[in-house]
PDB file of all heavy atoms in Angstrom:
ATOM      1  N   PRO A   1       4.173 -18.572   4.690  1.00  0.00           N
ATOM      2  CA  PRO A   1       3.574 -17.496   3.882  1.00  0.00           C
ATOM      3  C   PRO A   1       2.152 -17.855   3.458  1.00  0.00           C
ATOM      4  O   PRO A   1       1.874 -19.002   3.103  1.00  0.00           O
ATOM      5  CB  PRO A   1       4.507 -17.398   2.674  1.00  0.00           C
ATOM      6  CG  PRO A   1       5.778 -18.067   3.100  1.00  0.00           C
ATOM      7  CD  PRO A   1       5.367 -19.140   4.060  1.00  0.00           C
ATOM      8  N   SER A   2       1.269 -16.861   3.486  1.00  0.00           N
ATOM      9  CA  SER A   2      -0.120 -17.102   3.118  1.00  0.00           C
ATOM     10  C   SER A   2      -0.748 -15.833   2.573  1.00  0.00           C
ATOM     11  O   SER A   2      -0.220 -14.732   2.762  1.00  0.00           O
ATOM     12  CB  SER A   2      -0.928 -17.618   4.310  1.00  0.00           C
ATOM     13  OG  SER A   2      -1.494 -16.687   5.028  1.00  0.00           O
ATOM     14  N   SER A   3      -1.889 -16.002   1.914  1.00  0.00           N
ATOM     15  CA  SER A   3      -2.662 -14.873   1.409  1.00  0.00           C
ATOM     16  C   SER A   3      -3.576 -14.277   2.478  1.00  0.00           C
ATOM     17  O   SER A   3      -4.371 -13.385   2.181  1.00  0.00           O
ATOM     18  CB  SER A   3      -3.490 -15.297   0.203  1.00  0.00           C
ATOM     19  OG  SER A   3      -4.355 -16.377   0.542  1.00  0.00           O
ATOM     20  N   GLN A   4      -3.482 -14.819   3.707  1.00  0.00           N
ATOM     21  CA  GLN A   4      -4.176 -14.283   4.869  1.00  0.00           C
ATOM     22  C   GLN A   4      -5.692 -14.358   4.741  1.00  0.00           C
ATOM     23  O   GLN A   4      -6.414 -13.425   5.060  1.00  0.00           O
ATOM     24  CB  GLN A   4      -3.709 -12.852   5.175  1.00  0.00           C
ATOM     25  CG  GLN A   4      -2.228 -12.729   5.390  1.00  0.00           C
ATOM     26  CD  GLN A   4      -1.767 -11.365   5.824  1.00  0.00           C
ATOM     27  OE1 GLN A   4      -0.795 -11.210   6.527  1.00  0.00           O
ATOM     28  NE2 GLN A   4      -2.439 -10.328   5.410  1.00  0.00           N
ATOM     29  N   THR A   5      -6.174 -15.499   4.279  1.00  0.00           N
ATOM     30  CA  THR A   5      -7.600 -15.790   4.255  1.00  0.00           C
ATOM     31  C   THR A   5      -7.889 -16.926   5.233  1.00  0.00           C
ATOM     32  O   THR A   5      -6.982 -17.630   5.678  1.00  0.00           O
ATOM     33  CB  THR A   5      -8.072 -16.187   2.853  1.00  0.00           C
ATOM     34  OG1 THR A   5      -7.392 -17.384   2.445  1.00  0.00           O
ATOM     35  CG2 THR A   5      -7.787 -15.077   1.847  1.00  0.00           C
ATOM     36  N   GLU A   6      -9.167 -17.106   5.554  1.00  0.00           N
ATOM     37  CA  GLU A   6      -9.552 -18.159   6.486  1.00  0.00           C
ATOM     38  C   GLU A   6      -9.223 -19.539   5.924  1.00  0.00           C
ATOM     39  O   GLU A   6      -8.784 -20.433   6.663  1.00  0.00           O
ATOM     40  CB  GLU A   6     -11.043 -18.050   6.800  1.00  0.00           C
ATOM     41  CG  GLU A   6     -11.516 -18.973   7.910  1.00  0.00           C
ATOM     42  CD  GLU A   6     -12.944 -18.699   8.338  1.00  0.00           C
ATOM     43  OE1 GLU A   6     -13.436 -17.570   8.079  1.00  0.00           O
ATOM     44  OE2 GLU A   6     -13.574 -19.610   8.920  1.00  0.00           O
ATOM     45  N   GLU A   7      -9.428 -19.721   4.638  1.00  0.00           N
ATOM     46  CA  GLU A   7      -9.124 -21.002   4.003  1.00  0.00           C
ATOM     47  C   GLU A   7      -7.637 -21.318   4.060  1.00  0.00           C
ATOM     48  O   GLU A   7      -7.229 -22.463   4.314  1.00  0.00           O
ATOM     49  CB  GLU A   7      -9.599 -20.996   2.542  1.00  0.00           C
ATOM     50  CG  GLU A   7     -11.112 -21.050   2.357  1.00  0.00           C
ATOM     51  CD  GLU A   7     -11.794 -19.753   2.782  1.00  0.00           C
ATOM     52  OE1 GLU A   7     -11.115 -18.705   2.779  1.00  0.00           O
ATOM     53  OE2 GLU A   7     -13.001 -19.795   3.126  1.00  0.00           O
ATOM     54  N   GLU A   8      -6.811 -20.295   3.828  1.00  0.00           N
ATOM     55  CA  GLU A   8      -5.365 -20.485   3.900  1.00  0.00           C
ATOM     56  C   GLU A   8      -4.930 -20.847   5.314  1.00  0.00           C
ATOM     57  O   GLU A   8      -4.063 -21.695   5.513  1.00  0.00           O
ATOM     58  CB  GLU A   8      -4.645 -19.220   3.435  1.00  0.00           C
ATOM     59  CG  GLU A   8      -4.511 -19.099   1.941  1.00  0.00           C
ATOM     60  CD  GLU A   8      -3.430 -20.028   1.395  1.00  0.00           C
ATOM     61  OE1 GLU A   8      -2.253 -19.745   1.578  1.00  0.00           O
ATOM     62  OE2 GLU A   8      -3.803 -21.049   0.802  1.00  0.00           O
ATOM     63  N   GLY A   9      -5.526 -20.199   6.304  1.00  0.00           N
ATOM     64  CA  GLY A   9      -5.200 -20.505   7.688  1.00  0.00           C
ATOM     65  C   GLY A   9      -5.521 -21.950   8.044  1.00  0.00           C
ATOM     66  O   GLY A   9      -4.729 -22.635   8.714  1.00  0.00           O
ATOM     67  N   ALA A  10      -6.681 -22.440   7.586  1.00  0.00           N
ATOM     68  CA  ALA A  10      -7.075 -23.829   7.853  1.00  0.00           C
ATOM     69  C   ALA A  10      -6.140 -24.805   7.146  1.00  0.00           C
ATOM     70  O   ALA A  10      -5.743 -25.829   7.720  1.00  0.00           O
ATOM     71  CB  ALA A  10      -8.516 -24.054   7.409  1.00  0.00           C
ATOM     72  N   ARG A  11      -5.776 -24.500   5.913  1.00  0.00           N
ATOM     73  CA  ARG A  11      -4.891 -25.391   5.151  1.00  0.00           C
ATOM     74  C   ARG A  11      -3.516 -25.507   5.798  1.00  0.00           C
ATOM     75  O   ARG A  11      -2.974 -26.608   5.959  1.00  0.00           O
ATOM     76  CB  ARG A  11      -4.742 -24.877   3.719  1.00  0.00           C
ATOM     77  CG  ARG A  11      -3.864 -25.751   2.828  1.00  0.00           C
ATOM     78  CD  ARG A  11      -3.601 -25.091   1.497  1.00  0.00           C
ATOM     79  NE  ARG A  11      -2.868 -23.842   1.632  1.00  0.00           N
ATOM     80  CZ  ARG A  11      -1.548 -23.770   1.832  1.00  0.00           C
ATOM     81  NH1 ARG A  11      -0.816 -24.891   1.936  1.00  0.00           N
ATOM     82  NH2 ARG A  11      -0.953 -22.593   1.928  1.00  0.00           N
ATOM     83  N   ILE A  12      -2.946 -24.364   6.189  1.00  0.00           N
ATOM     84  CA  ILE A  12      -1.614 -24.366   6.804  1.00  0.00           C
ATOM     85  C   ILE A  12      -1.647 -25.070   8.155  1.00  0.00           C
ATOM     86  O   ILE A  12      -0.724 -25.812   8.511  1.00  0.00           O
ATOM     87  CB  ILE A  12      -1.090 -22.924   6.939  1.00  0.00           C
ATOM     88  CG1 ILE A  12      -0.817 -22.334   5.552  1.00  0.00           C
ATOM     89  CG2 ILE A  12       0.172 -22.874   7.790  1.00  0.00           C
ATOM     90  CD1 ILE A  12      -0.498 -20.858   5.561  1.00  0.00           C
ATOM     91  N   MET A  13      -2.720 -24.870   8.924  1.00  0.00           N
ATOM     92  CA  MET A  13      -2.829 -25.538  10.221  1.00  0.00           C
ATOM     93  C   MET A  13      -2.922 -27.046  10.052  1.00  0.00           C
ATOM     94  O   MET A  13      -2.376 -27.808  10.854  1.00  0.00           O
ATOM     95  CB  MET A  13      -4.046 -25.010  10.982  1.00  0.00           C
ATOM     96  CG  MET A  13      -4.076 -25.424  12.454  1.00  0.00           C
ATOM     97  SD  MET A  13      -2.691 -24.744  13.386  1.00  0.00           S
ATOM     98  CE  MET A  13      -2.075 -26.222  14.190  1.00  0.00           C
ATOM     99  N   ASN A  14      -3.592 -27.503   9.008  1.00  0.00           N
ATOM    100  CA  ASN A  14      -3.653 -28.942   8.722  1.00  0.00           C
ATOM    101  C   ASN A  14      -2.256 -29.503   8.456  1.00  0.00           C
ATOM    102  O   ASN A  14      -1.925 -30.620   8.880  1.00  0.00           O
ATOM    103  CB  ASN A  14      -4.560 -29.215   7.526  1.00  0.00           C
ATOM    104  CG  ASN A  14      -6.029 -28.998   7.847  1.00  0.00           C
ATOM    105  OD1 ASN A  14      -6.447 -29.128   9.003  1.00  0.00           O
ATOM    106  ND2 ASN A  14      -6.826 -28.688   6.832  1.00  0.00           N
ATOM    107  N   ASP A  15      -1.426 -28.720   7.768  1.00  0.00           N
ATOM    108  CA  ASP A  15      -0.046 -29.144   7.514  1.00  0.00           C
ATOM    109  C   ASP A  15       0.775 -29.165   8.801  1.00  0.00           C
ATOM    110  O   ASP A  15       1.606 -30.059   9.008  1.00  0.00           O
ATOM    111  CB  ASP A  15       0.612 -28.231   6.483  1.00  0.00           C
ATOM    112  CG  ASP A  15      -0.036 -28.326   5.104  1.00  0.00           C
ATOM    113  OD1 ASP A  15      -0.684 -29.373   4.831  1.00  0.00           O
ATOM    114  OD2 ASP A  15       0.088 -27.374   4.310  1.00  0.00           O
ATOM    115  N   ILE A  16       0.560 -28.170   9.665  1.00  0.00           N
ATOM    116  CA  ILE A  16       1.295 -28.123  10.935  1.00  0.00           C
ATOM    117  C   ILE A  16       0.942 -29.310  11.818  1.00  0.00           C
ATOM    118  O   ILE A  16       1.806 -29.873  12.509  1.00  0.00           O
ATOM    119  CB  ILE A  16       1.011 -26.788  11.660  1.00  0.00           C
ATOM    120  CG1 ILE A  16       1.596 -25.610  10.876  1.00  0.00           C
ATOM    121  CG2 ILE A  16       1.575 -26.799  13.085  1.00  0.00           C
ATOM    122  CD1 ILE A  16       1.264 -24.247  11.450  1.00  0.00           C
ATOM    123  N   LEU A  17      -0.320 -29.719  11.797  1.00  0.00           N
ATOM    124  CA  LEU A  17      -0.756 -30.857  12.609  1.00  0.00           C
ATOM    125  C   LEU A  17      -0.077 -32.163  12.194  1.00  0.00           C
ATOM    126  O   LEU A  17       0.005 -33.114  12.985  1.00  0.00           O
ATOM    127  CB  LEU A  17      -2.273 -31.018  12.528  1.00  0.00           C
ATOM    128  CG  LEU A  17      -3.100 -29.945  13.258  1.00  0.00           C
ATOM    129  CD1 LEU A  17      -4.574 -30.064  12.891  1.00  0.00           C
ATOM    130  CD2 LEU A  17      -2.923 -30.072  14.770  1.00  0.00           C
ATOM    131  N   LYS A  18       0.433 -32.226  10.979  1.00  0.00           N
ATOM    132  CA  LYS A  18       1.115 -33.429  10.490  1.00  0.00           C
ATOM    133  C   LYS A  18       2.588 -33.452  10.867  1.00  0.00           C
ATOM    134  O   LYS A  18       3.260 -34.474  10.690  1.00  0.00           O
ATOM    135  CB  LYS A  18       0.980 -33.513   8.966  1.00  0.00           C
ATOM    136  CG  LYS A  18      -0.462 -33.640   8.483  1.00  0.00           C
ATOM    137  CD  LYS A  18      -0.535 -33.592   6.964  1.00  0.00           C
ATOM    138  CE  LYS A  18      -1.994 -33.628   6.481  1.00  0.00           C
ATOM    139  NZ  LYS A  18      -2.083 -33.511   4.998  1.00  0.00           N
ATOM    140  N   GLU A  19       3.122 -32.348  11.378  1.00  0.00           N
ATOM    141  CA  GLU A  19       4.539 -32.279  11.751  1.00  0.00           C
ATOM    142  C   GLU A  19       4.805 -33.100  13.011  1.00  0.00           C
ATOM    143  O   GLU A  19       3.959 -33.189  13.907  1.00  0.00           O
ATOM    144  CB  GLU A  19       4.964 -30.825  11.969  1.00  0.00           C
ATOM    145  CG  GLU A  19       4.861 -29.946  10.723  1.00  0.00           C
ATOM    146  CD  GLU A  19       5.236 -28.497  11.007  1.00  0.00           C
ATOM    147  OE1 GLU A  19       5.648 -28.207  12.168  1.00  0.00           O
ATOM    148  OE2 GLU A  19       5.131 -27.652  10.087  1.00  0.00           O
ATOM    149  N   GLU A  20       6.017 -33.666  13.081  1.00  0.00           N
ATOM    150  CA  GLU A  20       6.397 -34.446  14.259  1.00  0.00           C
ATOM    151  C   GLU A  20       6.668 -33.559  15.462  1.00  0.00           C
ATOM    152  O   GLU A  20       6.376 -33.927  16.592  1.00  0.00           O
ATOM    153  CB  GLU A  20       7.629 -35.292  13.933  1.00  0.00           C
ATOM    154  CG  GLU A  20       7.384 -36.387  12.902  1.00  0.00           C
ATOM    155  CD  GLU A  20       8.609 -37.249  12.693  1.00  0.00           C
ATOM    156  OE1 GLU A  20       9.636 -37.018  13.384  1.00  0.00           O
ATOM    157  OE2 GLU A  20       8.548 -38.167  11.845  1.00  0.00           O
ATOM    158  N   ASP A  21       7.277 -32.417  15.215  1.00  0.00           N
ATOM    159  CA  ASP A  21       7.601 -31.487  16.294  1.00  0.00           C
ATOM    160  C   ASP A  21       6.985 -30.119  15.981  1.00  0.00           C
ATOM    161  O   ASP A  21       7.686 -29.181  15.595  1.00  0.00           O
ATOM    162  CB  ASP A  21       9.117 -31.369  16.454  1.00  0.00           C
ATOM    163  CG  ASP A  21       9.503 -30.553  17.692  1.00  0.00           C
ATOM    164  OD1 ASP A  21       8.661 -30.447  18.625  1.00  0.00           O
ATOM    165  OD2 ASP A  21      10.636 -30.008  17.721  1.00  0.00           O
ATOM    166  N   PRO A  22       5.661 -29.973  16.142  1.00  0.00           N
ATOM    167  CA  PRO A  22       4.991 -28.715  15.773  1.00  0.00           C
ATOM    168  C   PRO A  22       5.304 -27.604  16.764  1.00  0.00           C
ATOM    169  O   PRO A  22       5.736 -27.856  17.891  1.00  0.00           O
ATOM    170  CB  PRO A  22       3.506 -29.089  15.804  1.00  0.00           C
ATOM    171  CG  PRO A  22       3.423 -30.177  16.829  1.00  0.00           C
ATOM    172  CD  PRO A  22       4.716 -30.960  16.689  1.00  0.00           C
ATOM    173  N   PRO A  23       5.069 -26.346  16.379  1.00  0.00           N
ATOM    174  CA  PRO A  23       5.283 -25.211  17.294  1.00  0.00           C
ATOM    175  C   PRO A  23       4.284 -25.229  18.443  1.00  0.00           C
ATOM    176  O   PRO A  23       3.163 -25.719  18.297  1.00  0.00           O
ATOM    177  CB  PRO A  23       5.097 -23.989  16.398  1.00  0.00           C
ATOM    178  CG  PRO A  23       4.205 -24.475  15.289  1.00  0.00           C
ATOM    179  CD  PRO A  23       4.599 -25.909  15.050  1.00  0.00           C
ATOM    180  N   THR A  24       4.688 -24.660  19.557  1.00  0.00           N
ATOM    181  CA  THR A  24       3.799 -24.603  20.719  1.00  0.00           C
ATOM    182  C   THR A  24       2.872 -23.392  20.686  1.00  0.00           C
ATOM    183  O   THR A  24       1.917 -23.327  21.452  1.00  0.00           O
ATOM    184  CB  THR A  24       4.623 -24.565  22.015  1.00  0.00           C
ATOM    185  OG1 THR A  24       5.456 -23.389  22.021  1.00  0.00           O
ATOM    186  CG2 THR A  24       5.496 -25.814  22.135  1.00  0.00           C
ATOM    187  N   ALA A  25       3.170 -22.423  19.836  1.00  0.00           N
ATOM    188  CA  ALA A  25       2.346 -21.221  19.712  1.00  0.00           C
ATOM    189  C   ALA A  25       2.329 -20.777  18.257  1.00  0.00           C
ATOM    190  O   ALA A  25       3.279 -21.031  17.508  1.00  0.00           O
ATOM    191  CB  ALA A  25       2.859 -20.095  20.601  1.00  0.00           C
ATOM    192  N   ILE A  26       1.251 -20.110  17.876  1.00  0.00           N
ATOM    193  CA  ILE A  26       1.086 -19.648  16.496  1.00  0.00           C
ATOM    194  C   ILE A  26       0.672 -18.180  16.508  1.00  0.00           C
ATOM    195  O   ILE A  26      -0.305 -17.806  17.157  1.00  0.00           O
ATOM    196  CB  ILE A  26       0.026 -20.476  15.755  1.00  0.00           C
ATOM    197  CG1 ILE A  26       0.468 -21.944  15.678  1.00  0.00           C
ATOM    198  CG2 ILE A  26      -0.204 -19.931  14.342  1.00  0.00           C
ATOM    199  CD1 ILE A  26      -0.607 -22.870  15.182  1.00  0.00           C
ATOM    200  N   PHE A  27       1.418 -17.357  15.790  1.00  0.00           N
ATOM    201  CA  PHE A  27       1.098 -15.945  15.614  1.00  0.00           C
ATOM    202  C   PHE A  27       0.571 -15.738  14.199  1.00  0.00           C
ATOM    203  O   PHE A  27       1.291 -15.956  13.222  1.00  0.00           O
ATOM    204  CB  PHE A  27       2.326 -15.070  15.870  1.00  0.00           C
ATOM    205  CG  PHE A  27       2.169 -13.646  15.405  1.00  0.00           C
ATOM    206  CD1 PHE A  27       1.065 -12.889  15.770  1.00  0.00           C
ATOM    207  CD2 PHE A  27       3.124 -13.047  14.601  1.00  0.00           C
ATOM    208  CE1 PHE A  27       0.899 -11.581  15.338  1.00  0.00           C
ATOM    209  CE2 PHE A  27       2.986 -11.736  14.166  1.00  0.00           C
ATOM    210  CZ  PHE A  27       1.869 -11.009  14.534  1.00  0.00           C
ATOM    211  N   CYS A  28      -0.686 -15.336  14.081  1.00  0.00           N
ATOM    212  CA  CYS A  28      -1.319 -15.067  12.787  1.00  0.00           C
ATOM    213  C   CYS A  28      -1.299 -13.561  12.517  1.00  0.00           C
ATOM    214  O   CYS A  28      -1.589 -12.764  13.407  1.00  0.00           O
ATOM    215  CB  CYS A  28      -2.754 -15.578  12.760  1.00  0.00           C
ATOM    216  SG  CYS A  28      -2.894 -17.375  13.011  1.00  0.00           S
ATOM    217  N   ALA A  29      -0.991 -13.204  11.276  1.00  0.00           N
ATOM    218  CA  ALA A  29      -0.881 -11.785  10.926  1.00  0.00           C
ATOM    219  C   ALA A  29      -2.214 -11.066  10.956  1.00  0.00           C
ATOM    220  O   ALA A  29      -2.248  -9.844  11.054  1.00  0.00           O
ATOM    221  CB  ALA A  29      -0.229 -11.620   9.563  1.00  0.00           C
ATOM    222  N   ASN A  30      -3.325 -11.794  10.855  1.00  0.00           N
ATOM    223  CA  ASN A  30      -4.645 -11.172  10.963  1.00  0.00           C
ATOM    224  C   ASN A  30      -5.640 -12.172  11.546  1.00  0.00           C
ATOM    225  O   ASN A  30      -5.385 -13.379  11.603  1.00  0.00           O
ATOM    226  CB  ASN A  30      -5.130 -10.629   9.616  1.00  0.00           C
ATOM    227  CG  ASN A  30      -5.398 -11.730   8.605  1.00  0.00           C
ATOM    228  OD1 ASN A  30      -5.036 -12.884   8.780  1.00  0.00           O
ATOM    229  ND2 ASN A  30      -6.054 -11.369   7.518  1.00  0.00           N
ATOM    230  N   ASP A  31      -6.776 -11.669  11.983  1.00  0.00           N
ATOM    231  CA  ASP A  31      -7.802 -12.506  12.603  1.00  0.00           C
ATOM    232  C   ASP A  31      -8.394 -13.506  11.619  1.00  0.00           C
ATOM    233  O   ASP A  31      -8.768 -14.619  12.002  1.00  0.00           O
ATOM    234  CB  ASP A  31      -8.925 -11.636  13.171  1.00  0.00           C
ATOM    235  CG  ASP A  31      -8.543 -10.965  14.474  1.00  0.00           C
ATOM    236  OD1 ASP A  31      -7.395 -11.180  14.931  1.00  0.00           O
ATOM    237  OD2 ASP A  31      -9.369 -10.227  15.033  1.00  0.00           O
ATOM    238  N   CYS A  32      -8.501 -13.097  10.358  1.00  0.00           N
ATOM    239  CA  CYS A  32      -9.108 -13.958   9.352  1.00  0.00           C
ATOM    240  C   CYS A  32      -8.341 -15.281   9.241  1.00  0.00           C
ATOM    241  O   CYS A  32      -8.938 -16.355   9.180  1.00  0.00           O
ATOM    242  CB  CYS A  32      -9.136 -13.229   8.013  1.00  0.00           C
ATOM    243  SG  CYS A  32     -10.373 -13.824   6.875  1.00  0.00           S
ATOM    244  N   THR A  33      -7.011 -15.202   9.229  1.00  0.00           N
ATOM    245  CA  THR A  33      -6.180 -16.401   9.198  1.00  0.00           C
ATOM    246  C   THR A  33      -6.356 -17.221  10.466  1.00  0.00           C
ATOM    247  O   THR A  33      -6.437 -18.450  10.427  1.00  0.00           O
ATOM    248  CB  THR A  33      -4.702 -16.010   9.031  1.00  0.00           C
ATOM    249  OG1 THR A  33      -4.542 -15.211   7.860  1.00  0.00           O
ATOM    250  CG2 THR A  33      -3.827 -17.245   8.926  1.00  0.00           C
ATOM    251  N   ALA A  34      -6.419 -16.538  11.607  1.00  0.00           N
ATOM    252  CA  ALA A  34      -6.583 -17.227  12.888  1.00  0.00           C
ATOM    253  C   ALA A  34      -7.902 -17.991  12.973  1.00  0.00           C
ATOM    254  O   ALA A  34      -7.968 -19.058  13.589  1.00  0.00           O
ATOM    255  CB  ALA A  34      -6.478 -16.219  14.031  1.00  0.00           C
ATOM    256  N   LEU A  35      -8.954 -17.473  12.348  1.00  0.00           N
ATOM    257  CA  LEU A  35     -10.240 -18.179  12.333  1.00  0.00           C
ATOM    258  C   LEU A  35     -10.098 -19.529  11.636  1.00  0.00           C
ATOM    259  O   LEU A  35     -10.661 -20.537  12.071  1.00  0.00           O
ATOM    260  CB  LEU A  35     -11.300 -17.330  11.641  1.00  0.00           C
ATOM    261  CG  LEU A  35     -11.712 -16.025  12.334  1.00  0.00           C
ATOM    262  CD1 LEU A  35     -12.716 -15.258  11.485  1.00  0.00           C
ATOM    263  CD2 LEU A  35     -12.289 -16.288  13.713  1.00  0.00           C
ATOM    264  N   GLY A  36      -9.350 -19.537  10.537  1.00  0.00           N
ATOM    265  CA  GLY A  36      -9.095 -20.800   9.842  1.00  0.00           C
ATOM    266  C   GLY A  36      -8.261 -21.751  10.672  1.00  0.00           C
ATOM    267  O   GLY A  36      -8.483 -22.969  10.655  1.00  0.00           O
ATOM    268  N   VAL A  37      -7.281 -21.218  11.410  1.00  0.00           N
ATOM    269  CA  VAL A  37      -6.437 -22.038  12.288  1.00  0.00           C
ATOM    270  C   VAL A  37      -7.285 -22.702  13.373  1.00  0.00           C
ATOM    271  O   VAL A  37      -7.169 -23.908  13.628  1.00  0.00           O
ATOM    272  CB  VAL A  37      -5.319 -21.176  12.907  1.00  0.00           C
ATOM    273  CG1 VAL A  37      -4.604 -21.940  14.023  1.00  0.00           C
ATOM    274  CG2 VAL A  37      -4.326 -20.747  11.842  1.00  0.00           C
ATOM    275  N   LEU A  38      -8.149 -21.939  14.011  1.00  0.00           N
ATOM    276  CA  LEU A  38      -9.003 -22.492  15.065  1.00  0.00           C
ATOM    277  C   LEU A  38      -9.996 -23.507  14.506  1.00  0.00           C
ATOM    278  O   LEU A  38     -10.300 -24.509  15.163  1.00  0.00           O
ATOM    279  CB  LEU A  38      -9.746 -21.360  15.778  1.00  0.00           C
ATOM    280  CG  LEU A  38      -8.880 -20.389  16.587  1.00  0.00           C
ATOM    281  CD1 LEU A  38      -9.745 -19.290  17.200  1.00  0.00           C
ATOM    282  CD2 LEU A  38      -8.109 -21.106  17.681  1.00  0.00           C
ATOM    283  N   ARG A  39     -10.491 -23.250  13.307  1.00  0.00           N
ATOM    284  CA  ARG A  39     -11.415 -24.202  12.677  1.00  0.00           C
ATOM    285  C   ARG A  39     -10.741 -25.538  12.442  1.00  0.00           C
ATOM    286  O   ARG A  39     -11.332 -26.601  12.697  1.00  0.00           O
ATOM    287  CB  ARG A  39     -11.931 -23.616  11.360  1.00  0.00           C
ATOM    288  CG  ARG A  39     -13.047 -24.443  10.715  1.00  0.00           C
ATOM    289  CD  ARG A  39     -13.501 -23.768   9.425  1.00  0.00           C
ATOM    290  NE  ARG A  39     -12.494 -23.885   8.385  1.00  0.00           N
ATOM    291  CZ  ARG A  39     -12.543 -23.237   7.204  1.00  0.00           C
ATOM    292  NH1 ARG A  39     -13.541 -22.413   6.956  1.00  0.00           N
ATOM    293  NH2 ARG A  39     -11.591 -23.420   6.308  1.00  0.00           N
ATOM    294  N   SER A  40      -9.507 -25.495  11.973  1.00  0.00           N
ATOM    295  CA  SER A  40      -8.760 -26.722  11.738  1.00  0.00           C
ATOM    296  C   SER A  40      -8.457 -27.456  13.040  1.00  0.00           C
ATOM    297  O   SER A  40      -8.549 -28.683  13.104  1.00  0.00           O
ATOM    298  CB  SER A  40      -7.453 -26.409  11.002  1.00  0.00           C
ATOM    299  OG  SER A  40      -6.666 -27.561  10.831  1.00  0.00           O
ATOM    300  N   LEU A  41      -8.093 -26.717  14.092  1.00  0.00           N
ATOM    301  CA  LEU A  41      -7.809 -27.332  15.384  1.00  0.00           C
ATOM    302  C   LEU A  41      -9.041 -28.005  15.973  1.00  0.00           C
ATOM    303  O   LEU A  41      -8.947 -29.071  16.597  1.00  0.00           O
ATOM    304  CB  LEU A  41      -7.267 -26.284  16.358  1.00  0.00           C
ATOM    305  CG  LEU A  41      -5.821 -25.804  16.134  1.00  0.00           C
ATOM    306  CD1 LEU A  41      -5.498 -24.622  17.036  1.00  0.00           C
ATOM    307  CD2 LEU A  41      -4.832 -26.937  16.383  1.00  0.00           C
ATOM    308  N   ASN A  42     -10.201 -27.396  15.789  1.00  0.00           N
ATOM    309  CA  ASN A  42     -11.444 -27.977  16.313  1.00  0.00           C
ATOM    310  C   ASN A  42     -11.851 -29.240  15.555  1.00  0.00           C
ATOM    311  O   ASN A  42     -12.440 -30.163  16.136  1.00  0.00           O
ATOM    312  CB  ASN A  42     -12.571 -26.956  16.269  1.00  0.00           C
ATOM    313  CG  ASN A  42     -12.403 -25.847  17.301  1.00  0.00           C
ATOM    314  OD1 ASN A  42     -11.876 -26.081  18.386  1.00  0.00           O
ATOM    315  ND2 ASN A  42     -12.849 -24.639  16.973  1.00  0.00           N
ATOM    316  N   LYS A  43     -11.548 -29.295  14.268  1.00  0.00           N
ATOM    317  CA  LYS A  43     -11.913 -30.463  13.466  1.00  0.00           C
ATOM    318  C   LYS A  43     -10.943 -31.625  13.647  1.00  0.00           C
ATOM    319  O   LYS A  43     -11.346 -32.775  13.722  1.00  0.00           O
ATOM    320  CB  LYS A  43     -11.977 -30.078  11.985  1.00  0.00           C
ATOM    321  CG  LYS A  43     -13.213 -29.293  11.599  1.00  0.00           C
ATOM    322  CD  LYS A  43     -13.244 -29.066  10.088  1.00  0.00           C
ATOM    323  CE  LYS A  43     -14.510 -28.318   9.682  1.00  0.00           C
ATOM    324  NZ  LYS A  43     -14.545 -28.093   8.201  1.00  0.00           N
ATOM    325  N   CYS A  44      -9.648 -31.296  13.667  1.00  0.00           N
ATOM    326  CA  CYS A  44      -8.613 -32.329  13.720  1.00  0.00           C
ATOM    327  C   CYS A  44      -7.790 -32.175  14.992  1.00  0.00           C
ATOM    328  O   CYS A  44      -6.660 -31.654  14.954  1.00  0.00           O
ATOM    329  CB  CYS A  44      -7.716 -32.269  12.496  1.00  0.00           C
ATOM    330  SG  CYS A  44      -8.566 -32.223  10.922  1.00  0.00           S
ATOM    331  N   ARG A  45      -8.344 -32.581  16.097  1.00  0.00           N
ATOM    332  CA  ARG A  45      -7.625 -32.477  17.366  1.00  0.00           C
ATOM    333  C   ARG A  45      -6.529 -33.527  17.446  1.00  0.00           C
ATOM    334  O   ARG A  45      -6.753 -34.692  17.181  1.00  0.00           O
ATOM    335  CB  ARG A  45      -8.592 -32.628  18.542  1.00  0.00           C
ATOM    336  CG  ARG A  45      -9.548 -31.448  18.690  1.00  0.00           C
ATOM    337  CD  ARG A  45     -10.350 -31.553  19.969  1.00  0.00           C
ATOM    338  NE  ARG A  45     -11.219 -30.412  20.139  1.00  0.00           N
ATOM    339  CZ  ARG A  45     -10.851 -29.289  20.746  1.00  0.00           C
ATOM    340  NH1 ARG A  45      -9.612 -29.181  21.216  1.00  0.00           N
ATOM    341  NH2 ARG A  45     -11.703 -28.285  20.874  1.00  0.00           N
ATOM    342  N   ARG A  46      -5.328 -33.071  17.816  1.00  0.00           N
ATOM    343  CA  ARG A  46      -4.192 -33.956  17.999  1.00  0.00           C
ATOM    344  C   ARG A  46      -3.983 -34.185  19.480  1.00  0.00           C
ATOM    345  O   ARG A  46      -4.068 -33.262  20.288  1.00  0.00           O
ATOM    346  CB  ARG A  46      -2.944 -33.334  17.361  1.00  0.00           C
ATOM    347  CG  ARG A  46      -1.680 -34.167  17.491  1.00  0.00           C
ATOM    348  CD  ARG A  46      -0.578 -33.569  16.641  1.00  0.00           C
ATOM    349  NE  ARG A  46       0.698 -34.199  16.922  1.00  0.00           N
ATOM    350  CZ  ARG A  46       1.820 -33.929  16.257  1.00  0.00           C
ATOM    351  NH1 ARG A  46       1.787 -33.068  15.260  1.00  0.00           N
ATOM    352  NH2 ARG A  46       2.942 -34.532  16.578  1.00  0.00           N
TER     353      ARG A  46
END
C-alpha cells in the first residue's frame, strides 16, 4: 500500500530490493509511483 507518489515508489522499491526472494515483475497503480521505482532501481542495482 502506498500514497502513490514518486517518493513512496522509491521507498517501497528499496524495501523490495532487500528481500531474499523479490517479485519478478512490479505493477504500479500510476506512473508517478513507477518513476520512483525506476529511480530506486537505477541507484541500487542488485
